[in-house]
Amino acid sequence: MKGLIKVVFLENYGVTLAEKIIPATEVSEQISTTTKEASGTSNMKFMMNGAVTLATLDGANVEILREVGDPNIVIFGLNEHEVLDYYRNGGYVARDIYNSNPNVKRVLDSLTNGFIPGIQTEGWDIFRSLVDYNDEYFLLKDFDSYVEAQAKINNLYKDRFVWNKMSIENISSSGAFSADNTVRQYAVGIWGTRSYER
């Protein structure tokens, strides 16, 4: 499989691994379905270390976009209103996307046709959850947008001047997520206290 990306799963991800991974990361993919993320903080840590975020508009990604600005983040996928509209009114039929989008069909078929060795059971489980059980996370709907976002971030990465500028913008815009700022906001907004000057 020369020329293909190798994906490695790191077991027992925790602080020790994060201390090594986060500073070395250049692209932080935060790809939860909009409205589904509980708003973690890992994306902020990646940002503080200069990673450029490729993300859906979900959780703290919305705050990162607000701080760093549109030119310094790559956003893809359905927005909150579109997701909620599907939940309220229906109309999303994953099988129609599978049948009409040759790229989606090719990728999903690769899960079950032996192209990827040793995943027959898992491949069928994934296929069924997406096609037969109507893809509750709208992954097929976001597929083309995600592919476009990948192409965009790849092109940005090739221009080292632009990429380094984006990285620096991410670092310099991350102050809103510092522990000092958070404690200050809690002190005023939640605890009703004020700063004490010595």
Protein backbone atom coordinates (compact mmCIF):
# COMPACT_ATOMS: atom_id res chain seq x y z
CA MET A 1 0.00 0.00 0.00
CA LYS A 2 2.78 2.37 -0.90
CA GLY A 3 1.68 5.98 -1.21
CA LEU A 4 -1.16 5.66 1.29
CA ILE A 5 -1.41 7.25 4.70
CA LYS A 6 -0.69 5.00 7.65
CA VAL A 7 -3.09 5.48 10.55
CA VAL A 8 -1.81 4.54 14.00
CA PHE A 9 -4.05 4.12 17.04
CA LEU A 10 -2.33 5.15 20.26
CA GLU A 11 -3.66 3.20 23.21
CA ASN A 12 -4.33 4.71 26.63
CA TYR A 13 -4.24 8.31 25.48
CA GLY A 14 -3.71 10.51 28.51
CA VAL A 15 -1.55 13.32 29.83
CA THR A 16 1.76 11.51 29.23
CA LEU A 17 1.03 10.90 25.55
CA ALA A 18 -0.60 14.32 25.15
CA GLU A 19 2.58 16.01 26.39
CA LYS A 20 4.41 14.47 23.43
CA ILE A 21 1.70 14.66 20.76
CA ILE A 22 0.26 18.15 21.26
CA PRO A 23 3.49 20.16 20.82
CA ALA A 24 4.38 18.15 17.70
CA THR A 25 1.00 18.52 15.99
CA GLU A 26 0.62 20.70 12.92
CA VAL A 27 -3.04 19.94 12.12
CA SER A 28 -5.64 19.42 14.84
CA GLU A 29 -8.71 17.66 13.45
CA GLN A 30 -11.77 18.30 15.60
CA ILE A 31 -14.44 16.52 13.59
CA SER A 32 -17.40 15.83 15.87
CA THR A 33 -20.84 16.28 14.36
CA THR A 34 -22.11 19.78 15.07
CA THR A 35 -24.22 19.78 18.30
CA LYS A 36 -22.62 16.53 19.57
CA GLU A 37 -19.34 17.66 21.21
CA ALA A 38 -19.36 18.32 24.93
CA SER A 39 -16.76 21.03 24.32
CA GLY A 40 -13.45 19.58 25.42
CA THR A 41 -10.22 21.51 25.79
CA SER A 42 -7.76 19.49 23.70
CA ASN A 43 -8.44 21.65 20.66
CA MET A 44 -7.40 24.71 22.68
CA LYS A 45 -4.17 23.00 23.76
CA PHE A 46 -3.35 22.18 20.14
CA MET A 47 -4.09 25.80 19.18
CA MET A 48 -1.82 27.14 21.94
CA ASN A 49 1.00 25.01 20.54
CA GLY A 50 0.56 26.32 17.00
CA ALA A 51 -1.54 23.62 15.36
CA VAL A 52 -4.00 24.79 12.73
CA THR A 53 -7.50 23.47 13.39
CA LEU A 54 -9.56 21.61 10.80
CA ALA A 55 -13.00 21.34 12.34
CA THR A 56 -16.74 21.33 12.34
CA LEU A 57 -18.54 24.27 13.94
CA ASP A 58 -19.06 22.44 17.20
CA GLY A 59 -18.12 22.90 20.83
CA ALA A 60 -15.09 25.04 21.51
CA ASN A 61 -14.26 25.12 17.79
CA VAL A 62 -16.78 27.95 17.53
CA GLU A 63 -14.81 29.89 20.16
CA ILE A 64 -11.51 29.14 18.41
CA LEU A 65 -12.94 30.47 15.14
CA ARG A 66 -14.06 33.63 16.93
CA GLU A 67 -10.60 34.19 18.43
CA VAL A 68 -8.33 33.23 15.52
CA GLY A 69 -10.49 34.42 12.61
CA ASP A 70 -11.66 32.60 9.50
CA PRO A 71 -8.36 32.75 7.57
CA ASN A 72 -6.55 30.78 10.30
CA ILE A 73 -8.85 27.77 10.70
CA VAL A 74 -10.43 25.37 8.20
CA ILE A 75 -14.14 24.73 8.81
CA PHE A 76 -16.27 22.09 7.10
CA GLY A 77 -19.60 20.36 7.43
CA LEU A 78 -23.15 21.11 8.42
CA ASN A 79 -23.81 24.01 10.74
CA GLU A 80 -25.93 23.85 13.89
CA HIS A 81 -29.13 25.03 12.19
CA GLU A 82 -28.81 22.43 9.42
CA VAL A 83 -28.23 19.58 11.89
CA LEU A 84 -31.12 20.64 14.12
CA ASP A 85 -33.38 21.01 11.08
CA TYR A 86 -32.69 17.39 10.11
CA TYR A 87 -33.44 16.26 13.67
CA ARG A 88 -36.70 18.23 13.79
CA ASN A 89 -38.01 17.73 10.28
CA GLY A 90 -36.26 14.65 8.93
CA GLY A 91 -35.41 14.53 5.26
CA TYR A 92 -31.94 13.03 5.63
CA VAL A 93 -31.63 9.75 3.73
CA ALA A 94 -28.09 8.39 3.93
CA ARG A 95 -28.82 5.64 1.40
CA ASP A 96 -29.60 8.30 -1.22
CA ILE A 97 -26.14 9.82 -0.69
CA TYR A 98 -24.54 6.37 -0.90
CA ASN A 99 -26.37 5.65 -4.17
CA SER A 100 -25.76 9.07 -5.77
CA ASN A 101 -22.23 10.01 -4.66
CA PRO A 102 -19.59 7.81 -6.34
CA ASN A 103 -16.87 8.85 -3.88
CA VAL A 104 -18.98 7.96 -0.85
CA LYS A 105 -19.97 4.67 -2.50
CA ARG A 106 -16.34 3.79 -3.29
CA VAL A 107 -15.20 4.48 0.29
CA LEU A 108 -18.08 2.61 1.92
CA ASP A 109 -17.77 -0.34 -0.46
CA SER A 110 -14.07 -0.59 0.47
CA LEU A 111 -15.18 -1.46 4.00
CA THR A 112 -16.98 -4.60 2.83
CA ASN A 113 -15.43 -5.77 -0.45
CA GLY A 114 -12.05 -6.98 0.86
CA PHE A 115 -10.08 -3.90 -0.23
CA ILE A 116 -9.05 -3.39 3.41
CA PRO A 117 -7.91 -6.81 4.66
CA GLY A 118 -9.15 -8.19 7.96
CA ILE A 119 -12.06 -5.84 8.66
CA GLN A 120 -15.04 -7.73 7.23
CA THR A 121 -17.07 -7.77 10.46
CA GLU A 122 -16.19 -4.24 11.52
CA GLY A 123 -16.57 -3.02 7.95
CA TRP A 124 -20.11 -4.33 7.70
CA ASP A 125 -20.95 -2.85 11.12
CA ILE A 126 -19.80 0.58 9.95
CA PHE A 127 -21.54 0.22 6.58
CA ARG A 128 -24.84 -0.74 8.21
CA SER A 129 -24.69 2.07 10.76
CA LEU A 130 -24.16 4.59 7.97
CA VAL A 131 -26.40 3.25 5.20
CA ASP A 132 -28.99 0.90 6.76
CA TYR A 133 -29.47 2.84 10.01
CA ASN A 134 -29.34 6.28 8.35
CA ASP A 135 -26.04 7.67 9.63
CA GLU A 136 -27.18 9.46 12.78
CA TYR A 137 -24.09 11.69 12.74
CA PHE A 138 -24.53 12.92 9.12
CA LEU A 139 -21.07 11.70 8.17
CA LEU A 140 -22.08 11.03 4.58
CA LYS A 141 -23.61 14.50 4.29
CA ASP A 142 -20.33 16.04 5.53
CA PHE A 143 -18.12 13.78 3.38
CA ASP A 144 -17.59 16.05 0.36
CA SER A 145 -17.08 19.09 2.58
CA TYR A 146 -14.47 17.16 4.60
CA VAL A 147 -12.62 16.10 1.44
CA GLU A 148 -12.56 19.74 0.29
CA ALA A 149 -11.28 20.83 3.73
CA GLN A 150 -8.48 18.24 3.50
CA ALA A 151 -7.48 19.54 0.08
CA LYS A 152 -7.53 23.11 1.38
CA ILE A 153 -5.37 22.36 4.42
CA ASN A 154 -2.94 20.34 2.27
CA ASN A 155 -2.50 23.31 -0.08
CA LEU A 156 -2.08 25.73 2.83
CA TYR A 157 0.57 23.46 4.36
CA LYS A 158 2.62 23.49 1.15
CA ASP A 159 3.08 27.27 1.43
CA ARG A 160 5.43 27.44 4.44
CA PHE A 161 5.11 31.23 4.80
CA VAL A 162 1.31 31.08 4.93
CA TRP A 163 1.36 28.02 7.20
CA ASN A 164 3.81 29.54 9.67
CA LYS A 165 1.74 32.75 9.75
CA MET A 166 -1.40 30.73 10.52
CA SER A 167 0.44 28.83 13.24
CA ILE A 168 1.66 32.06 14.86
CA GLU A 169 -1.84 33.56 14.61
CA ASN A 170 -3.20 30.52 16.44
CA ILE A 171 -0.63 30.84 19.22
CA SER A 172 -1.10 34.58 19.62
CA SER A 173 -4.91 34.28 19.61
CA SER A 174 -5.06 31.55 22.25
CA GLY A 175 -4.81 33.83 25.29
CA ALA A 176 -8.58 33.77 25.73
CA PHE A 177 -8.23 30.09 26.67
CA SER A 178 -5.46 30.52 29.27
CA ALA A 179 -6.03 29.35 32.83
CA ASP A 180 -5.52 32.94 34.08
CA ASN A 181 -8.25 34.26 31.82
CA THR A 182 -10.62 31.44 32.77
CA VAL A 183 -10.11 31.99 36.51
CA ARG A 184 -10.65 35.73 36.01
CA GLN A 185 -13.92 35.10 34.15
CA TYR A 186 -15.12 32.64 36.81
CA ALA A 187 -14.19 35.03 39.61
CA VAL A 188 -16.31 37.82 38.17
CA GLY A 189 -19.10 35.94 36.39
CA ILE A 190 -19.71 32.98 38.68
CA TRP A 191 -18.25 33.68 42.09
CA GLY A 192 -19.01 37.41 42.07
CA THR A 193 -15.55 38.34 43.37
CA ARG A 194 -12.99 40.80 42.15
CA SER A 195 -9.24 40.68 41.68
CA TYR A 196 -7.12 41.32 44.73
CA GLU A 197 -4.13 43.58 44.16
CA ARG A 198 -1.24 43.39 46.61
